[in-house]
Amino acid sequence: MPRPRQLTFKFSLTLVATIMASSASCAQTSYFAATPTTGRAPLTVMFCASAGTAIDFGDGTSSAMGMAQSGDCPAGGTSYVKHTYTAAGTYQLRGLPCPGSQNTNCGEVAKQASAVKIIVTPAR
């Protein structure tokens, strides 16, 4: 019976990966945040968003969001505004989409803002 032979092979393998990205997969995630959403009057609320929009605060006043400064918002927050509620009540926000903008992120931020309620309880 013949003796088995040991064979040794050396090879190298090179993998080439092509990464394809579409504009949909690179789209920015829209977000809107209000902090805090409840508290005693006067209550100062900070609003952060991934796109600038105007906000109707639900108390008869409104404002556009400005550029966030370092530390105003979590990472990804580019727009910021703060507002003080002086009277007790429940306030329904209304986000106003960017006029004439094709920016879908702005429209989504306005929609998210419109879902926020601020509840202010009487001062002690």
C-alpha atoms as a PDB file:
ATOM      1  CA  MET A   1       0.000   0.000   0.000  1.00  0.00           C
ATOM      2  CA  PRO A   2       1.422   3.381  -0.979  1.00  0.00           C
ATOM      3  CA  ARG A   3       2.207   5.857   1.718  1.00  0.00           C
ATOM      4  CA  PRO A   4       0.020   9.050   1.799  1.00  0.00           C
ATOM      5  CA  ARG A   5       1.840  12.207   0.801  1.00  0.00           C
ATOM      6  CA  GLN A   6       1.391  15.485   2.530  1.00  0.00           C
ATOM      7  CA  LEU A   7       0.817  18.398   0.201  1.00  0.00           C
ATOM      8  CA  THR A   8       1.144  22.024   1.282  1.00  0.00           C
ATOM      9  CA  PHE A   9      -0.502  24.842  -0.630  1.00  0.00           C
ATOM     10  CA  LYS A  10       0.074  28.520  -0.115  1.00  0.00           C
ATOM     11  CA  PHE A  11      -2.375  30.988  -1.429  1.00  0.00           C
ATOM     12  CA  SER A  12      -3.565  34.508  -0.794  1.00  0.00           C
ATOM     13  CA  LEU A  13      -7.013  35.864  -1.151  1.00  0.00           C
ATOM     14  CA  THR A  14      -7.849  39.456  -1.849  1.00  0.00           C
ATOM     15  CA  LEU A  15     -11.385  40.603  -1.261  1.00  0.00           C
ATOM     16  CA  VAL A  16     -12.646  43.745  -2.886  1.00  0.00           C
ATOM     17  CA  ALA A  17     -15.842  45.192  -1.510  1.00  0.00           C
ATOM     18  CA  THR A  18     -17.811  47.787  -3.336  1.00  0.00           C
ATOM     19  CA  ILE A  19     -19.958  49.849  -1.037  1.00  0.00           C
ATOM     20  CA  MET A  20     -22.870  51.484  -2.705  1.00  0.00           C
ATOM     21  CA  ALA A  21     -24.960  54.123  -0.991  1.00  0.00           C
ATOM     22  CA  SER A  22     -28.155  55.667  -2.152  1.00  0.00           C
ATOM     23  CA  SER A  23     -29.442  59.028  -1.061  1.00  0.00           C
ATOM     24  CA  ALA A  24     -32.157  57.265   0.948  1.00  0.00           C
ATOM     25  CA  SER A  25     -29.630  55.295   2.989  1.00  0.00           C
ATOM     26  CA  CYS A  26     -27.631  58.440   3.710  1.00  0.00           C
ATOM     27  CA  ALA A  27     -30.614  60.557   4.647  1.00  0.00           C
ATOM     28  CA  GLN A  28     -30.402  62.372   7.921  1.00  0.00           C
ATOM     29  CA  THR A  29     -32.690  61.164  10.667  1.00  0.00           C
ATOM     30  CA  SER A  30     -35.208  63.802  11.667  1.00  0.00           C
ATOM     31  CA  TYR A  31     -35.781  64.515  15.316  1.00  0.00           C
ATOM     32  CA  PHE A  32     -37.375  67.096  17.571  1.00  0.00           C
ATOM     33  CA  ALA A  33     -36.982  67.179  21.362  1.00  0.00           C
ATOM     34  CA  ALA A  34     -38.429  69.322  24.141  1.00  0.00           C
ATOM     35  CA  THR A  35     -36.890  69.314  27.636  1.00  0.00           C
ATOM     36  CA  PRO A  36     -38.584  69.353  30.115  1.00  0.00           C
ATOM     37  CA  THR A  37     -42.185  68.772  29.000  1.00  0.00           C
ATOM     38  CA  THR A  38     -43.741  69.163  32.463  1.00  0.00           C
ATOM     39  CA  GLY A  39     -43.075  71.369  35.474  1.00  0.00           C
ATOM     40  CA  ARG A  40     -44.169  74.301  37.589  1.00  0.00           C
ATOM     41  CA  ALA A  41     -44.646  77.812  36.232  1.00  0.00           C
ATOM     42  CA  PRO A  42     -42.573  79.585  35.162  1.00  0.00           C
ATOM     43  CA  LEU A  43     -41.261  76.681  33.082  1.00  0.00           C
ATOM     44  CA  THR A  44     -38.388  77.216  30.642  1.00  0.00           C
ATOM     45  CA  VAL A  45     -38.342  74.567  27.908  1.00  0.00           C
ATOM     46  CA  MET A  46     -35.435  73.945  25.540  1.00  0.00           C
ATOM     47  CA  PHE A  47     -36.268  72.752  22.038  1.00  0.00           C
ATOM     48  CA  CYS A  48     -33.702  70.995  19.839  1.00  0.00           C
ATOM     49  CA  ALA A  49     -34.132  69.684  16.324  1.00  0.00           C
ATOM     50  CA  SER A  50     -32.225  68.284  13.389  1.00  0.00           C
ATOM     51  CA  ALA A  51     -33.581  71.042  11.141  1.00  0.00           C
ATOM     52  CA  GLY A  52     -34.717  74.575  11.771  1.00  0.00           C
ATOM     53  CA  THR A  53     -38.431  75.180  11.806  1.00  0.00           C
ATOM     54  CA  ALA A  54     -40.742  77.723  13.359  1.00  0.00           C
ATOM     55  CA  ILE A  55     -42.718  76.737  16.441  1.00  0.00           C
ATOM     56  CA  ASP A  56     -46.094  77.951  17.663  1.00  0.00           C
ATOM     57  CA  PHE A  57     -45.642  77.409  21.404  1.00  0.00           C
ATOM     58  CA  GLY A  58     -49.401  77.092  22.024  1.00  0.00           C
ATOM     59  CA  ASP A  59     -49.551  80.095  24.330  1.00  0.00           C
ATOM     60  CA  GLY A  60     -50.118  82.751  21.674  1.00  0.00           C
ATOM     61  CA  THR A  61     -46.424  83.161  20.834  1.00  0.00           C
ATOM     62  CA  SER A  62     -44.166  81.628  18.202  1.00  0.00           C
ATOM     63  CA  SER A  63     -40.530  81.732  17.182  1.00  0.00           C
ATOM     64  CA  ALA A  64     -38.156  80.391  14.584  1.00  0.00           C
ATOM     65  CA  MET A  65     -35.399  78.089  15.748  1.00  0.00           C
ATOM     66  CA  GLY A  66     -31.855  79.387  15.517  1.00  0.00           C
ATOM     67  CA  MET A  67     -28.503  77.673  15.173  1.00  0.00           C
ATOM     68  CA  ALA A  68     -27.581  75.556  18.188  1.00  0.00           C
ATOM     69  CA  GLN A  69     -24.381  76.484  19.972  1.00  0.00           C
ATOM     70  CA  SER A  70     -22.023  73.908  21.419  1.00  0.00           C
ATOM     71  CA  GLY A  71     -23.728  72.224  24.368  1.00  0.00           C
ATOM     72  CA  ASP A  72     -27.254  73.447  23.553  1.00  0.00           C
ATOM     73  CA  CYS A  73     -28.396  70.160  22.010  1.00  0.00           C
ATOM     74  CA  PRO A  74     -27.346  66.524  21.851  1.00  0.00           C
ATOM     75  CA  ALA A  75     -25.193  65.420  18.926  1.00  0.00           C
ATOM     76  CA  GLY A  76     -27.021  65.950  15.663  1.00  0.00           C
ATOM     77  CA  GLY A  77     -29.077  68.848  16.991  1.00  0.00           C
ATOM     78  CA  THR A  78     -28.428  71.811  14.749  1.00  0.00           C
ATOM     79  CA  SER A  79     -31.379  74.016  15.673  1.00  0.00           C
ATOM     80  CA  TYR A  80     -32.311  75.392  19.079  1.00  0.00           C
ATOM     81  CA  VAL A  81     -34.733  77.722  20.811  1.00  0.00           C
ATOM     82  CA  LYS A  82     -35.950  78.086  24.385  1.00  0.00           C
ATOM     83  CA  HIS A  83     -39.251  79.399  25.635  1.00  0.00           C
ATOM     84  CA  THR A  84     -40.658  80.205  29.071  1.00  0.00           C
ATOM     85  CA  TYR A  85     -44.255  79.342  29.906  1.00  0.00           C
ATOM     86  CA  THR A  86     -45.468  81.705  32.622  1.00  0.00           C
ATOM     87  CA  ALA A  87     -49.017  80.424  33.212  1.00  0.00           C
ATOM     88  CA  ALA A  88     -50.287  76.982  34.231  1.00  0.00           C
ATOM     89  CA  GLY A  89     -51.928  74.989  31.455  1.00  0.00           C
ATOM     90  CA  THR A  90     -51.478  72.365  28.766  1.00  0.00           C
ATOM     91  CA  TYR A  91     -49.889  73.725  25.618  1.00  0.00           C
ATOM     92  CA  GLN A  92     -50.022  71.966  22.251  1.00  0.00           C
ATOM     93  CA  LEU A  93     -47.048  72.848  20.048  1.00  0.00           C
ATOM     94  CA  ARG A  94     -47.418  73.345  16.337  1.00  0.00           C
ATOM     95  CA  GLY A  95     -44.406  72.997  14.079  1.00  0.00           C
ATOM     96  CA  LEU A  96     -44.443  75.187  11.004  1.00  0.00           C
ATOM     97  CA  PRO A  97     -42.663  73.730   7.964  1.00  0.00           C
ATOM     98  CA  CYS A  98     -39.939  75.757   6.296  1.00  0.00           C
ATOM     99  CA  PRO A  99     -41.636  77.952   3.675  1.00  0.00           C
ATOM    100  CA  GLY A 100     -40.726  77.103   0.099  1.00  0.00           C
ATOM    101  CA  SER A 101     -38.292  74.420   1.264  1.00  0.00           C
ATOM    102  CA  GLN A 102     -37.825  71.111  -0.476  1.00  0.00           C
ATOM    103  CA  ASN A 103     -36.115  69.856   2.689  1.00  0.00           C
ATOM    104  CA  THR A 104     -38.165  66.827   3.808  1.00  0.00           C
ATOM    105  CA  ASN A 105     -36.211  66.782   7.081  1.00  0.00           C
ATOM    106  CA  CYS A 106     -37.714  70.176   7.950  1.00  0.00           C
ATOM    107  CA  GLY A 107     -41.242  68.963   7.252  1.00  0.00           C
ATOM    108  CA  GLU A 108     -40.717  65.862   9.396  1.00  0.00           C
ATOM    109  CA  VAL A 109     -39.338  67.972  12.262  1.00  0.00           C
ATOM    110  CA  ALA A 110     -42.422  70.218  12.063  1.00  0.00           C
ATOM    111  CA  LYS A 111     -44.643  67.134  12.204  1.00  0.00           C
ATOM    112  CA  GLN A 112     -42.785  65.806  15.262  1.00  0.00           C
ATOM    113  CA  ALA A 113     -43.030  69.195  16.987  1.00  0.00           C
ATOM    114  CA  SER A 114     -46.796  69.189  16.455  1.00  0.00           C
ATOM    115  CA  ALA A 115     -47.058  65.991  18.518  1.00  0.00           C
ATOM    116  CA  VAL A 116     -45.547  67.599  21.652  1.00  0.00           C
ATOM    117  CA  LYS A 117     -47.586  68.839  24.605  1.00  0.00           C
ATOM    118  CA  ILE A 118     -46.129  70.942  27.394  1.00  0.00           C
ATOM    119  CA  ILE A 119     -47.860  70.676  30.771  1.00  0.00           C
ATOM    120  CA  VAL A 120     -47.271  73.540  33.203  1.00  0.00           C
ATOM    121  CA  THR A 121     -48.595  73.275  36.759  1.00  0.00           C
ATOM    122  CA  PRO A 122     -49.265  76.273  39.023  1.00  0.00           C
ATOM    123  CA  ALA A 123     -46.373  77.794  40.936  1.00  0.00           C
ATOM    124  CA  ARG A 124     -46.314  77.007  44.638  1.00  0.00           C
END
